[in-house]
Amino acid sequence: MATTIQLQPETKARLDEVKVHPRETYDEALNRILDLAIDTEPISEETLVKIEEAISDLRKGKFRPFEEVVREHGLQ
């Protein structure tokens, strides 16, 4: 079964640019892009705990400004 969708000319041009080869269908290109965009791997409990800790630290003001880290490592 096929479905027709409407695309703006700019969107179609962008899809044309991301095709791996000229004979790749839009369906194949879109599915490839969607596979890259959707992460099906669940976040571990350990990672969730670390994220919550980081958010808590930010709210408490426990962080260093980016500019300070850049200067410290001589990245300017």
Foldseek 3Di string as FASTA:
>chain_A
DDDDDDDDPVVVVVLCVQDPDNPDDSVNSVVVVVVVVDDPDDDDPVVVVVVVVVVVCVVVVNDDDPVVVCVVVVVD
